[in-house]
């Protein structure tokens, strides 16, 4: 089995429409940070698979998902930072027609981020993968989210090894983005929530240590940009 096949959480109904784009610390007027992701970033309760939380799957608490660990890291150096959380699974699952999803993410675009962390691709179809189409749509989507054109962009691989990982790295080099590899984590049982959930796919998502490691790696890049 390929690592990506361990993600058996369906790329549908991960989040209600009202939560595709959310904000935290809106009262602040400092550094503007967008975190664009998927179920690892935010997944609403889905009792039929044993997930009863509304935070990044499969952290033990909201404070322990990578979004909020990273948020705490950033606030340590930028106390007045404000945050946008953009859940992009609706783009992922049909990236070849990705522009159809753009209206969903207008609020994220209008946030006008200074830093955009792009932490998704796990739900992109990987069988009969077209690297040319993926790269064009991936770059176009990031350009769409980068309203001013001036945001610093940080991209990561998939948590589980994905055929798109190499394309993401290539796009990062071509566009001058920061690139972080995290697909080694999906190979390590200690980085997952194994034994915490009965559902195979949920349990194979990052647990607290995996989330912290993702956040730490991203923050290492954020520090260079701010």
N, C-alpha and C. Protein backbone atom coordinates (compact mmCIF):
# COMPACT_ATOMS: atom_id res chain seq x y z
N UNK A 1 0.83 -1.20 0.00
CA UNK A 1 0.00 0.00 0.00
C UNK A 1 0.87 1.25 0.00
N UNK A 2 0.54 2.21 -0.85
CA UNK A 2 1.24 3.49 -0.82
C UNK A 2 0.75 4.29 0.38
N UNK A 3 1.63 5.15 0.90
CA UNK A 3 1.27 5.94 2.08
C UNK A 3 -0.01 6.74 1.86
N UNK A 4 -0.19 7.33 0.70
CA UNK A 4 -1.35 8.18 0.46
C UNK A 4 -2.65 7.39 0.56
N UNK A 5 -2.60 6.09 0.34
CA UNK A 5 -3.80 5.26 0.42
C UNK A 5 -4.29 5.10 1.86
N UNK A 6 -3.46 5.49 2.82
CA UNK A 6 -3.88 5.42 4.21
C UNK A 6 -4.83 6.57 4.57
N UNK A 7 -4.94 7.53 3.68
CA UNK A 7 -5.89 8.63 3.88
C UNK A 7 -7.24 8.20 3.35
N UNK A 8 -7.98 7.46 4.15
CA UNK A 8 -9.29 6.96 3.72
C UNK A 8 -10.43 7.85 4.20
N UNK A 9 -10.11 9.01 4.75
CA UNK A 9 -11.14 9.99 5.09
C UNK A 9 -11.55 10.66 3.78
N UNK A 10 -12.82 10.55 3.43
CA UNK A 10 -13.28 11.03 2.13
C UNK A 10 -13.09 12.53 1.96
N UNK A 11 -12.75 12.91 0.74
CA UNK A 11 -12.55 14.33 0.41
C UNK A 11 -13.89 14.96 0.08
N UNK A 12 -14.82 14.84 0.99
CA UNK A 12 -16.14 15.45 0.82
C UNK A 12 -16.74 15.68 2.20
N UNK A 13 -17.54 16.72 2.28
CA UNK A 13 -18.23 17.06 3.54
C UNK A 13 -17.27 17.15 4.72
N UNK A 14 -16.08 17.67 4.47
CA UNK A 14 -15.13 17.85 5.58
C UNK A 14 -15.50 19.06 6.43
N UNK A 15 -16.26 19.96 5.81
CA UNK A 15 -16.56 21.22 6.49
C UNK A 15 -17.81 21.84 5.89
N UNK A 16 -18.65 22.42 6.75
CA UNK A 16 -19.81 23.14 6.26
C UNK A 16 -19.38 24.42 5.55
N UNK A 17 -20.20 24.88 4.62
CA UNK A 17 -19.84 26.04 3.81
C UNK A 17 -19.46 27.26 4.65
N UNK A 18 -20.10 27.43 5.79
CA UNK A 18 -19.85 28.61 6.62
C UNK A 18 -18.45 28.63 7.20
N UNK A 19 -17.77 27.48 7.17
CA UNK A 19 -16.44 27.39 7.78
C UNK A 19 -15.32 27.16 6.78
N UNK A 20 -15.61 27.30 5.48
CA UNK A 20 -14.56 27.15 4.48
C UNK A 20 -13.45 28.17 4.71
N UNK A 21 -13.85 29.36 5.13
CA UNK A 21 -12.90 30.42 5.45
C UNK A 21 -13.29 31.02 6.79
N UNK A 22 -12.38 30.96 7.75
CA UNK A 22 -12.64 31.52 9.08
C UNK A 22 -11.45 32.38 9.50
N UNK A 23 -11.67 33.16 10.56
CA UNK A 23 -10.64 34.11 10.99
C UNK A 23 -10.46 34.03 12.50
N UNK A 24 -9.25 34.30 12.94
CA UNK A 24 -8.95 34.36 14.37
C UNK A 24 -8.12 35.61 14.64
N UNK A 25 -8.35 36.22 15.81
CA UNK A 25 -7.65 37.45 16.21
C UNK A 25 -7.91 38.58 15.21
N UNK A 26 -9.17 38.69 14.77
CA UNK A 26 -9.52 39.70 13.79
C UNK A 26 -9.35 41.13 14.31
N UNK A 27 -9.35 41.27 15.64
CA UNK A 27 -9.20 42.60 16.22
C UNK A 27 -7.78 43.13 16.07
N UNK A 28 -6.85 42.27 15.74
CA UNK A 28 -5.46 42.68 15.59
C UNK A 28 -5.21 43.31 14.22
N UNK A 29 -4.17 44.10 14.13
CA UNK A 29 -3.86 44.75 12.85
C UNK A 29 -2.39 44.60 12.46
N UNK A 30 -1.78 43.50 12.93
CA UNK A 30 -0.39 43.24 12.61
C UNK A 30 -0.23 42.30 11.43
N UNK A 31 0.79 41.45 11.49
CA UNK A 31 1.09 40.50 10.43
C UNK A 31 -0.15 39.67 10.09
N UNK A 32 -0.43 39.53 8.80
CA UNK A 32 -1.61 38.81 8.34
C UNK A 32 -1.16 37.45 7.78
N UNK A 33 -1.60 36.38 8.45
CA UNK A 33 -1.13 35.04 8.11
C UNK A 33 -2.31 34.17 7.69
N UNK A 34 -2.23 33.61 6.50
CA UNK A 34 -3.24 32.66 6.03
C UNK A 34 -2.69 31.25 6.10
N UNK A 35 -3.49 30.32 6.61
CA UNK A 35 -3.13 28.91 6.61
C UNK A 35 -4.18 28.20 5.75
N UNK A 36 -3.76 27.76 4.58
CA UNK A 36 -4.66 27.08 3.64
C UNK A 36 -4.39 25.59 3.70
N UNK A 37 -5.42 24.80 3.98
CA UNK A 37 -5.19 23.38 4.15
C UNK A 37 -6.41 22.52 3.87
N UNK A 38 -6.47 21.38 4.56
CA UNK A 38 -7.57 20.44 4.37
C UNK A 38 -7.95 19.85 5.73
N UNK A 39 -8.24 18.56 5.80
CA UNK A 39 -8.67 17.97 7.07
C UNK A 39 -7.61 18.10 8.16
N UNK A 40 -6.34 18.10 7.77
CA UNK A 40 -5.26 18.25 8.75
C UNK A 40 -5.29 19.64 9.36
N UNK A 41 -5.85 20.58 8.62
CA UNK A 41 -6.00 21.97 9.09
C UNK A 41 -7.28 22.16 9.88
N UNK A 42 -8.39 21.61 9.37
CA UNK A 42 -9.69 21.76 10.03
C UNK A 42 -10.68 20.76 9.46
N UNK A 43 -11.30 19.99 10.32
CA UNK A 43 -12.36 19.05 9.90
C UNK A 43 -13.47 19.10 10.93
N UNK A 44 -14.69 19.28 10.46
CA UNK A 44 -15.82 19.35 11.38
C UNK A 44 -16.17 17.96 11.89
N UNK A 45 -16.98 17.87 12.95
CA UNK A 45 -17.37 16.56 13.50
C UNK A 45 -18.01 15.66 12.44
N UNK A 46 -17.64 14.41 12.47
CA UNK A 46 -18.21 13.40 11.58
C UNK A 46 -18.31 12.10 12.37
N UNK A 47 -19.37 11.97 13.18
CA UNK A 47 -19.49 10.84 14.10
C UNK A 47 -19.41 9.47 13.44
N UNK A 48 -19.83 9.37 12.18
CA UNK A 48 -19.82 8.08 11.52
C UNK A 48 -18.42 7.52 11.32
N UNK A 49 -17.40 8.37 11.43
CA UNK A 49 -16.03 7.87 11.37
C UNK A 49 -15.31 8.08 12.70
N UNK A 50 -16.06 8.42 13.73
CA UNK A 50 -15.48 8.55 15.06
C UNK A 50 -14.73 9.84 15.30
N UNK A 51 -14.96 10.84 14.45
CA UNK A 51 -14.33 12.15 14.64
C UNK A 51 -15.39 13.11 15.15
N UNK A 52 -15.23 13.60 16.38
CA UNK A 52 -16.27 14.43 17.01
C UNK A 52 -15.77 15.84 17.33
N UNK A 53 -14.75 16.26 16.64
CA UNK A 53 -14.11 17.54 16.95
C UNK A 53 -14.18 18.51 15.77
N UNK A 54 -13.86 19.77 16.06
CA UNK A 54 -13.81 20.78 15.00
C UNK A 54 -12.44 21.47 15.08
N UNK A 55 -11.44 20.72 14.67
CA UNK A 55 -10.08 21.24 14.55
C UNK A 55 -9.31 20.30 13.64
N UNK A 56 -8.01 20.50 13.55
CA UNK A 56 -7.21 19.69 12.63
C UNK A 56 -7.19 18.22 13.01
N UNK A 57 -7.53 17.35 12.10
CA UNK A 57 -7.51 15.91 12.30
C UNK A 57 -6.08 15.39 12.25
N UNK A 58 -5.59 14.65 13.28
CA UNK A 58 -6.31 14.06 14.38
C UNK A 58 -5.64 14.47 15.69
N UNK A 59 -5.51 15.76 15.92
CA UNK A 59 -4.95 16.27 17.17
C UNK A 59 -5.91 15.97 18.32
N UNK A 60 -5.37 15.93 19.53
CA UNK A 60 -6.19 15.62 20.71
C UNK A 60 -7.00 16.82 21.18
N UNK A 61 -6.62 18.02 20.76
CA UNK A 61 -7.34 19.24 21.13
C UNK A 61 -7.07 20.30 20.08
N UNK A 62 -7.87 21.34 20.08
CA UNK A 62 -7.68 22.45 19.14
C UNK A 62 -6.30 23.07 19.31
N UNK A 63 -5.88 23.21 20.56
CA UNK A 63 -4.59 23.85 20.84
C UNK A 63 -3.42 23.03 20.31
N UNK A 64 -3.65 21.73 20.07
CA UNK A 64 -2.57 20.85 19.64
C UNK A 64 -2.53 20.58 18.15
N UNK A 65 -3.48 21.15 17.37
CA UNK A 65 -3.35 20.97 15.93
C UNK A 65 -2.28 21.93 15.41
N UNK A 66 -1.76 21.66 14.21
CA UNK A 66 -0.61 22.45 13.76
C UNK A 66 -0.96 23.92 13.57
N UNK A 67 -2.22 24.21 13.20
CA UNK A 67 -2.64 25.60 13.01
C UNK A 67 -2.43 26.41 14.29
N UNK A 68 -2.87 25.85 15.40
CA UNK A 68 -2.84 26.61 16.66
C UNK A 68 -1.48 26.55 17.35
N UNK A 69 -0.72 25.49 17.09
CA UNK A 69 0.67 25.48 17.56
C UNK A 69 1.46 26.54 16.80
N UNK A 70 1.27 26.59 15.47
CA UNK A 70 1.95 27.59 14.65
C UNK A 70 1.50 28.99 15.02
N UNK A 71 0.21 29.15 15.24
CA UNK A 71 -0.32 30.46 15.66
C UNK A 71 0.37 30.94 16.93
N UNK A 72 0.53 30.05 17.91
CA UNK A 72 1.19 30.41 19.17
C UNK A 72 2.65 30.79 18.92
N UNK A 73 3.33 30.03 18.07
CA UNK A 73 4.71 30.35 17.72
C UNK A 73 4.80 31.76 17.14
N UNK A 74 3.93 32.05 16.19
CA UNK A 74 3.97 33.35 15.51
C UNK A 74 3.65 34.48 16.47
N UNK A 75 2.66 34.26 17.35
CA UNK A 75 2.31 35.31 18.31
C UNK A 75 3.44 35.59 19.29
N UNK A 76 4.34 34.63 19.45
CA UNK A 76 5.49 34.85 20.32
C UNK A 76 6.43 35.92 19.78
N UNK A 77 6.43 36.11 18.46
CA UNK A 77 7.30 37.13 17.86
C UNK A 77 6.49 38.27 17.23
N UNK A 78 5.22 37.98 16.93
CA UNK A 78 4.33 38.99 16.34
C UNK A 78 3.00 38.96 17.11
N UNK A 79 2.97 39.56 18.31
CA UNK A 79 1.78 39.47 19.17
C UNK A 79 0.50 40.01 18.54
N UNK A 80 0.64 40.92 17.59
CA UNK A 80 -0.54 41.55 16.99
C UNK A 80 -0.95 40.89 15.67
N UNK A 81 -0.47 39.67 15.44
CA UNK A 81 -0.78 38.97 14.20
C UNK A 81 -2.26 38.60 14.15
N UNK A 82 -2.78 38.52 12.93
CA UNK A 82 -4.16 38.09 12.70
C UNK A 82 -4.14 36.95 11.70
N UNK A 83 -5.14 36.06 11.76
CA UNK A 83 -5.05 34.80 11.05
C UNK A 83 -6.32 34.48 10.24
N UNK A 84 -6.10 33.88 9.08
CA UNK A 84 -7.18 33.36 8.23
C UNK A 84 -6.94 31.87 8.05
N UNK A 85 -7.97 31.07 8.26
CA UNK A 85 -7.90 29.62 8.04
C UNK A 85 -8.77 29.29 6.84
N UNK A 86 -8.15 28.78 5.81
CA UNK A 86 -8.82 28.51 4.53
C UNK A 86 -8.78 27.00 4.28
N UNK A 87 -9.95 26.36 4.28
CA UNK A 87 -10.03 24.91 4.10
C UNK A 87 -10.28 24.62 2.62
N UNK A 88 -9.27 24.06 1.95
CA UNK A 88 -9.27 24.01 0.49
C UNK A 88 -9.61 22.65 -0.12
N UNK A 89 -10.28 21.77 0.65
CA UNK A 89 -10.54 20.44 0.08
C UNK A 89 -11.43 20.51 -1.15
N UNK A 90 -12.27 21.54 -1.24
CA UNK A 90 -13.16 21.66 -2.40
C UNK A 90 -12.37 21.97 -3.67
N UNK A 91 -11.22 22.63 -3.51
CA UNK A 91 -10.32 22.83 -4.65
C UNK A 91 -9.57 21.52 -4.93
N UNK A 92 -9.07 20.89 -3.89
CA UNK A 92 -8.24 19.68 -4.05
C UNK A 92 -8.94 18.59 -4.85
N UNK A 93 -10.16 18.29 -4.48
CA UNK A 93 -10.80 17.08 -5.01
C UNK A 93 -11.09 17.17 -6.51
N UNK A 94 -11.08 18.40 -7.08
CA UNK A 94 -11.27 18.56 -8.52
C UNK A 94 -10.35 19.67 -9.01
N UNK A 95 -9.05 19.51 -8.73
CA UNK A 95 -8.11 20.58 -9.04
C UNK A 95 -8.04 20.91 -10.52
N UNK A 96 -8.36 19.94 -11.38
CA UNK A 96 -8.32 20.20 -12.82
C UNK A 96 -9.32 21.28 -13.23
N UNK A 97 -10.37 21.40 -12.43
CA UNK A 97 -11.36 22.46 -12.64
C UNK A 97 -11.36 23.41 -11.45
N UNK A 98 -10.16 23.64 -10.93
CA UNK A 98 -10.00 24.37 -9.68
C UNK A 98 -10.62 25.75 -9.67
N UNK A 99 -10.64 26.41 -10.81
CA UNK A 99 -11.18 27.78 -10.84
C UNK A 99 -12.66 27.82 -10.49
N UNK A 100 -13.35 26.70 -10.64
CA UNK A 100 -14.77 26.65 -10.27
C UNK A 100 -14.96 26.88 -8.78
N UNK A 101 -13.92 26.58 -7.99
CA UNK A 101 -14.01 26.73 -6.52
C UNK A 101 -13.60 28.12 -6.04
N UNK A 102 -13.06 28.93 -6.90
CA UNK A 102 -12.54 30.23 -6.46
C UNK A 102 -13.55 31.08 -5.69
N UNK A 103 -14.82 31.13 -6.12
CA UNK A 103 -15.78 31.97 -5.37
C UNK A 103 -15.89 31.60 -3.90
N UNK A 104 -15.64 30.33 -3.57
CA UNK A 104 -15.72 29.88 -2.18
C UNK A 104 -14.67 30.58 -1.33
N UNK A 105 -13.55 30.95 -1.96
CA UNK A 105 -12.39 31.45 -1.23
C UNK A 105 -12.15 32.95 -1.40
N UNK A 106 -13.19 33.67 -1.82
CA UNK A 106 -13.05 35.12 -1.99
C UNK A 106 -12.69 35.81 -0.68
N UNK A 107 -13.29 35.36 0.43
CA UNK A 107 -13.00 35.99 1.72
C UNK A 107 -11.54 35.78 2.13
N UNK A 108 -11.00 34.62 1.78
CA UNK A 108 -9.59 34.37 2.07
C UNK A 108 -8.72 35.29 1.22
N UNK A 109 -9.05 35.44 -0.03
CA UNK A 109 -8.31 36.34 -0.92
C UNK A 109 -8.36 37.77 -0.40
N UNK A 110 -9.55 38.19 0.03
CA UNK A 110 -9.73 39.56 0.50
C UNK A 110 -9.04 39.82 1.84
N UNK A 111 -8.64 38.77 2.53
CA UNK A 111 -7.86 38.91 3.76
C UNK A 111 -6.53 39.62 3.47
N UNK A 112 -6.06 39.43 2.25
CA UNK A 112 -4.84 40.11 1.78
C UNK A 112 -3.64 39.77 2.69
N UNK A 113 -3.33 38.50 2.75
CA UNK A 113 -2.31 37.99 3.66
C UNK A 113 -0.91 38.49 3.33
N UNK A 114 -0.11 38.62 4.37
CA UNK A 114 1.32 38.90 4.22
C UNK A 114 2.11 37.61 4.04
N UNK A 115 1.62 36.54 4.70
CA UNK A 115 2.24 35.22 4.61
C UNK A 115 1.14 34.20 4.34
N UNK A 116 1.34 33.34 3.36
CA UNK A 116 0.38 32.29 3.06
C UNK A 116 1.07 30.94 3.20
N UNK A 117 0.57 30.12 4.11
CA UNK A 117 1.07 28.76 4.31
C UNK A 117 0.15 27.81 3.55
N UNK A 118 0.67 27.15 2.54
CA UNK A 118 -0.11 26.25 1.69
C UNK A 118 0.16 24.82 2.13
N UNK A 119 -0.80 24.25 2.86
CA UNK A 119 -0.60 22.96 3.54
C UNK A 119 -1.68 21.99 3.08
N UNK A 120 -1.71 21.74 1.76
CA UNK A 120 -2.67 20.78 1.20
C UNK A 120 -2.12 20.17 -0.07
N UNK A 121 -2.67 19.04 -0.44
CA UNK A 121 -2.63 18.28 -1.69
C UNK A 121 -3.05 16.84 -1.43
N UNK A 122 -3.20 16.47 -0.15
CA UNK A 122 -3.51 15.08 0.19
C UNK A 122 -4.76 14.56 -0.52
N UNK A 123 -5.75 15.41 -0.75
CA UNK A 123 -7.00 14.97 -1.36
C UNK A 123 -7.01 15.10 -2.88
N UNK A 124 -5.91 15.54 -3.46
CA UNK A 124 -5.84 15.63 -4.92
C UNK A 124 -5.77 14.22 -5.50
N UNK A 125 -6.64 13.89 -6.47
CA UNK A 125 -6.59 12.56 -7.07
C UNK A 125 -5.19 12.24 -7.59
N UNK A 126 -4.69 11.06 -7.24
CA UNK A 126 -3.32 10.71 -7.58
C UNK A 126 -3.22 9.62 -8.64
N UNK A 127 -4.31 8.94 -8.90
CA UNK A 127 -4.30 7.95 -9.98
C UNK A 127 -4.49 8.68 -11.31
N UNK A 128 -3.72 8.30 -12.31
CA UNK A 128 -3.72 8.97 -13.62
C UNK A 128 -3.46 10.47 -13.44
N UNK A 129 -2.52 10.77 -12.59
CA UNK A 129 -2.18 12.15 -12.23
C UNK A 129 -1.53 12.87 -13.41
N UNK A 130 -2.02 14.06 -13.71
CA UNK A 130 -1.47 14.89 -14.78
C UNK A 130 -0.67 16.01 -14.14
N UNK A 131 0.66 15.87 -14.14
CA UNK A 131 1.51 16.83 -13.46
C UNK A 131 1.44 18.22 -14.08
N UNK A 132 1.28 18.30 -15.38
CA UNK A 132 1.22 19.60 -16.05
C UNK A 132 -0.03 20.37 -15.62
N UNK A 133 -1.15 19.69 -15.64
CA UNK A 133 -2.41 20.33 -15.23
C UNK A 133 -2.34 20.70 -13.76
N UNK A 134 -1.86 19.78 -12.93
CA UNK A 134 -1.78 20.07 -11.50
C UNK A 134 -0.95 21.31 -11.22
N UNK A 135 0.25 21.37 -11.81
CA UNK A 135 1.13 22.50 -11.51
C UNK A 135 0.50 23.83 -11.92
N UNK A 136 -0.11 23.86 -13.10
CA UNK A 136 -0.74 25.10 -13.55
C UNK A 136 -1.85 25.53 -12.59
N UNK A 137 -2.72 24.58 -12.22
CA UNK A 137 -3.85 24.93 -11.36
C UNK A 137 -3.39 25.27 -9.94
N UNK A 138 -2.37 24.58 -9.47
CA UNK A 138 -1.83 24.84 -8.13
C UNK A 138 -1.25 26.25 -8.06
N UNK A 139 -0.43 26.59 -9.03
CA UNK A 139 0.16 27.94 -9.06
C UNK A 139 -0.92 28.99 -9.23
N UNK A 140 -1.88 28.73 -10.10
CA UNK A 140 -2.96 29.70 -10.32
C UNK A 140 -3.77 29.93 -9.04
N UNK A 141 -4.03 28.86 -8.29
CA UNK A 141 -4.82 29.00 -7.06
C UNK A 141 -4.05 29.81 -6.02
N UNK A 142 -2.78 29.54 -5.88
CA UNK A 142 -1.98 30.31 -4.94
C UNK A 142 -1.92 31.78 -5.37
N UNK A 143 -1.77 32.02 -6.66
CA UNK A 143 -1.79 33.39 -7.15
C UNK A 143 -3.12 34.07 -6.85
N UNK A 144 -4.21 33.30 -6.95
CA UNK A 144 -5.53 33.85 -6.63
C UNK A 144 -5.60 34.25 -5.16
N UNK A 145 -5.12 33.40 -4.28
CA UNK A 145 -5.17 33.70 -2.84
C UNK A 145 -4.26 34.88 -2.49
N UNK A 146 -3.22 35.09 -3.27
CA UNK A 146 -2.25 36.16 -3.04
C UNK A 146 -2.73 37.44 -3.73
N UNK A 147 -3.72 38.08 -3.14
CA UNK A 147 -4.40 39.21 -3.79
C UNK A 147 -3.45 40.33 -4.17
N UNK A 148 -2.55 40.71 -3.27
CA UNK A 148 -1.64 41.82 -3.53
C UNK A 148 -0.49 41.41 -4.44
N UNK A 149 -0.24 40.11 -4.50
CA UNK A 149 0.92 39.62 -5.23
C UNK A 149 2.21 39.74 -4.44
N UNK A 150 2.10 40.24 -3.21
CA UNK A 150 3.29 40.50 -2.40
C UNK A 150 3.45 39.55 -1.21
N UNK A 151 2.52 38.63 -1.01
CA UNK A 151 2.60 37.72 0.13
C UNK A 151 3.80 36.79 -0.01
N UNK A 152 4.39 36.45 1.13
CA UNK A 152 5.43 35.44 1.17
C UNK A 152 4.72 34.08 1.20
N UNK A 153 5.13 33.17 0.34
CA UNK A 153 4.45 31.89 0.19
C UNK A 153 5.32 30.76 0.74
N UNK A 154 4.71 29.92 1.57
CA UNK A 154 5.36 28.72 2.09
C UNK A 154 4.50 27.53 1.68
N UNK A 155 5.08 26.56 1.00
CA UNK A 155 4.34 25.38 0.57
C UNK A 155 4.96 24.13 1.18
N UNK A 156 4.14 23.11 1.39
CA UNK A 156 4.64 21.83 1.91
C UNK A 156 4.21 20.67 1.02
N UNK A 157 4.91 19.58 1.16
CA UNK A 157 4.47 18.33 0.54
C UNK A 157 3.24 17.81 1.29
N UNK A 158 2.77 16.69 0.82
CA UNK A 158 1.74 15.95 1.53
C UNK A 158 2.32 15.33 2.80
N UNK A 159 1.47 15.08 3.79
CA UNK A 159 1.88 14.34 4.99
C UNK A 159 2.22 12.90 4.62
N UNK A 160 1.37 12.30 3.77
CA UNK A 160 1.65 10.99 3.20
C UNK A 160 2.26 11.21 1.81
N UNK A 161 3.21 10.42 1.43
CA UNK A 161 3.86 10.62 0.13
C UNK A 161 2.83 10.61 -1.00
N UNK A 162 2.93 11.61 -1.86
CA UNK A 162 1.96 11.83 -2.93
C UNK A 162 2.73 12.14 -4.20
N UNK A 163 2.22 11.69 -5.32
CA UNK A 163 2.88 11.93 -6.59
C UNK A 163 3.04 13.43 -6.88
N UNK A 164 2.22 14.26 -6.27
CA UNK A 164 2.30 15.70 -6.49
C UNK A 164 3.43 16.37 -5.72
N UNK A 165 4.05 15.67 -4.78
CA UNK A 165 5.10 16.28 -3.95
C UNK A 165 6.22 16.89 -4.80
N UNK A 166 6.67 16.15 -5.78
CA UNK A 166 7.77 16.63 -6.62
C UNK A 166 7.35 17.84 -7.43
N UNK A 167 6.10 17.89 -7.82
CA UNK A 167 5.59 19.01 -8.61
C UNK A 167 5.51 20.26 -7.74
N UNK A 168 5.10 20.09 -6.49
CA UNK A 168 5.05 21.21 -5.55
C UNK A 168 6.46 21.78 -5.35
N UNK A 169 7.44 20.90 -5.19
CA UNK A 169 8.82 21.37 -5.02
C UNK A 169 9.30 22.12 -6.26
N UNK A 170 8.97 21.61 -7.41
CA UNK A 170 9.35 22.26 -8.67
C UNK A 170 8.69 23.63 -8.80
N UNK A 171 7.41 23.71 -8.46
CA UNK A 171 6.69 24.99 -8.53
C UNK A 171 7.28 26.00 -7.56
N UNK A 172 7.69 25.51 -6.38
CA UNK A 172 8.30 26.40 -5.38
C UNK A 172 9.60 27.00 -5.92
N UNK A 173 10.43 26.19 -6.54
CA UNK A 173 11.70 26.67 -7.09
C UNK A 173 11.45 27.68 -8.20
N UNK A 174 10.48 27.41 -9.04
CA UNK A 174 10.20 28.28 -10.18
C UNK A 174 9.62 29.63 -9.76
N UNK A 175 8.92 29.64 -8.60
CA UNK A 175 8.22 30.85 -8.18
C UNK A 175 8.85 31.55 -6.98
N UNK A 176 9.95 31.01 -6.51
CA UNK A 176 10.64 31.64 -5.38
C UNK A 176 9.93 31.49 -4.05
N UNK A 177 9.17 30.39 -3.90
CA UNK A 177 8.45 30.13 -2.65
C UNK A 177 9.34 29.31 -1.71
N UNK A 178 9.04 29.39 -0.43
CA UNK A 178 9.68 28.51 0.55
C UNK A 178 9.04 27.13 0.46
N UNK A 179 9.86 26.09 0.49
CA UNK A 179 9.38 24.72 0.35
C UNK A 179 9.78 23.89 1.56
N UNK A 180 8.82 23.13 2.09
CA UNK A 180 9.07 22.27 3.25
C UNK A 180 8.59 20.85 2.93
N UNK A 181 9.46 19.89 3.14
CA UNK A 181 9.06 18.50 2.99
C UNK A 181 8.61 17.95 4.34
N UNK A 182 7.41 17.38 4.36
CA UNK A 182 6.92 16.73 5.59
C UNK A 182 6.49 15.29 5.33
N UNK A 183 6.73 14.78 4.11
CA UNK A 183 6.21 13.45 3.80
C UNK A 183 6.97 12.31 4.47
N UNK A 184 8.07 12.64 5.13
CA UNK A 184 8.73 11.63 5.94
C UNK A 184 7.90 11.29 7.18
N UNK A 185 7.08 12.26 7.63
CA UNK A 185 6.30 12.06 8.86
C UNK A 185 5.23 10.99 8.68
N UNK A 186 4.67 10.92 7.48
CA UNK A 186 3.64 9.92 7.22
C UNK A 186 4.15 8.50 7.23
N UNK A 187 5.46 8.34 7.25
CA UNK A 187 6.09 7.01 7.31
C UNK A 187 6.29 6.56 8.75
N UNK A 188 6.08 7.46 9.71
CA UNK A 188 6.42 7.18 11.11
C UNK A 188 5.17 7.04 11.96
N UNK A 189 4.98 5.88 12.57
CA UNK A 189 3.78 5.64 13.38
C UNK A 189 3.65 6.63 14.52
N UNK A 190 4.78 7.05 15.10
CA UNK A 190 4.71 7.94 16.26
C UNK A 190 4.19 9.33 15.90
N UNK A 191 4.16 9.65 14.61
CA UNK A 191 3.66 10.95 14.18
C UNK A 191 2.15 10.94 13.92
N UNK A 192 1.54 9.78 14.07
CA UNK A 192 0.13 9.62 13.76
C UNK A 192 -0.69 9.43 15.04
N UNK A 193 -2.00 9.34 14.86
CA UNK A 193 -2.90 9.16 16.01
C UNK A 193 -3.32 7.70 16.13
N UNK A 194 -2.41 6.79 15.82
CA UNK A 194 -2.72 5.37 15.89
C UNK A 194 -3.08 4.96 17.31
N UNK A 195 -4.15 4.18 17.43
CA UNK A 195 -4.62 3.75 18.74
C UNK A 195 -5.56 4.73 19.41
N UNK A 196 -5.72 5.91 18.83
CA UNK A 196 -6.61 6.94 19.39
C UNK A 196 -7.99 6.92 18.75
N UNK A 197 -8.07 6.37 17.55
CA UNK A 197 -9.34 6.33 16.81
C UNK A 197 -9.48 4.98 16.13
N UNK A 198 -10.71 4.48 16.07
CA UNK A 198 -10.95 3.19 15.43
C UNK A 198 -10.87 3.28 13.92
N UNK A 199 -11.32 4.41 13.37
CA UNK A 199 -11.33 4.56 11.92
C UNK A 199 -9.90 4.62 11.39
N UNK A 200 -9.60 3.77 10.43
CA UNK A 200 -8.24 3.64 9.91
C UNK A 200 -7.70 4.97 9.37
N UNK A 201 -8.51 5.65 8.59
CA UNK A 201 -8.07 6.90 7.98
C UNK A 201 -7.84 8.00 8.99
N UNK A 202 -8.75 8.13 9.96
CA UNK A 202 -8.58 9.15 11.00
C UNK A 202 -7.31 8.88 11.79
N UNK A 203 -7.12 7.63 12.20
CA UNK A 203 -5.96 7.26 13.02
C UNK A 203 -4.63 7.49 12.29
N UNK A 204 -4.65 7.48 10.96
CA UNK A 204 -3.44 7.69 10.19
C UNK A 204 -3.15 9.17 9.93
N UNK A 205 -4.04 10.04 10.41
CA UNK A 205 -3.76 11.47 10.36
C UNK A 205 -2.74 11.81 11.46
N UNK A 206 -2.10 12.97 11.35
CA UNK A 206 -1.10 13.32 12.37
C UNK A 206 -1.70 13.48 13.75
N UNK A 207 -1.06 12.87 14.73
CA UNK A 207 -1.42 13.08 16.13
C UNK A 207 -0.71 14.31 16.66
N UNK A 208 -0.67 14.47 17.96
CA UNK A 208 -0.11 15.69 18.55
C UNK A 208 1.36 15.89 18.18
N UNK A 209 2.15 14.81 18.21
CA UNK A 209 3.56 14.97 17.88
C UNK A 209 3.72 15.32 16.40
N UNK A 210 2.94 14.68 15.55
CA UNK A 210 2.99 14.99 14.13
C UNK A 210 2.59 16.44 13.87
N UNK A 211 1.54 16.89 14.54
CA UNK A 211 1.09 18.27 14.39
C UNK A 211 2.17 19.26 14.84
N UNK A 212 2.77 18.98 15.99
CA UNK A 212 3.82 19.86 16.50
C UNK A 212 5.01 19.92 15.54
N UNK A 213 5.36 18.77 15.00
CA UNK A 213 6.50 18.71 14.09
C UNK A 213 6.21 19.50 12.81
N UNK A 214 4.98 19.37 12.30
CA UNK A 214 4.59 20.16 11.12
C UNK A 214 4.69 21.66 11.44
N UNK A 215 4.11 22.06 12.56
CA UNK A 215 4.12 23.47 12.95
C UNK A 215 5.55 23.98 13.13
N UNK A 216 6.40 23.19 13.77
CA UNK A 216 7.78 23.61 14.01
C UNK A 216 8.53 23.81 12.69
N UNK A 217 8.33 22.90 11.75
CA UNK A 217 9.02 23.03 10.46
C UNK A 217 8.53 24.27 9.70
N UNK A 218 7.24 24.51 9.75
CA UNK A 218 6.71 25.70 9.08
C UNK A 218 7.23 26.97 9.74
N UNK A 219 7.24 26.98 11.07
CA UNK A 219 7.69 28.18 11.77
C UNK A 219 9.16 28.50 11.48
N UNK A 220 9.96 27.47 11.28
CA UNK A 220 11.36 27.70 10.92
C UNK A 220 11.45 28.54 9.64
N UNK A 221 10.52 28.35 8.72
CA UNK A 221 10.49 29.13 7.49
C UNK A 221 9.85 30.50 7.71
N UNK A 222 8.78 30.52 8.51
CA UNK A 222 8.12 31.79 8.79
C UNK A 222 9.10 32.78 9.40
N UNK A 223 9.93 32.32 10.33
CA UNK A 223 10.90 33.19 10.99
C UNK A 223 11.83 33.87 9.98
N UNK A 224 12.16 33.17 8.92
CA UNK A 224 13.06 33.74 7.90
C UNK A 224 12.37 34.86 7.12
N UNK A 225 11.04 34.80 7.06
CA UNK A 225 10.28 35.75 6.23
C UNK A 225 9.82 36.97 6.99
N UNK A 226 9.76 36.86 8.33
CA UNK A 226 9.23 38.00 9.10
C UNK A 226 10.29 38.60 10.00
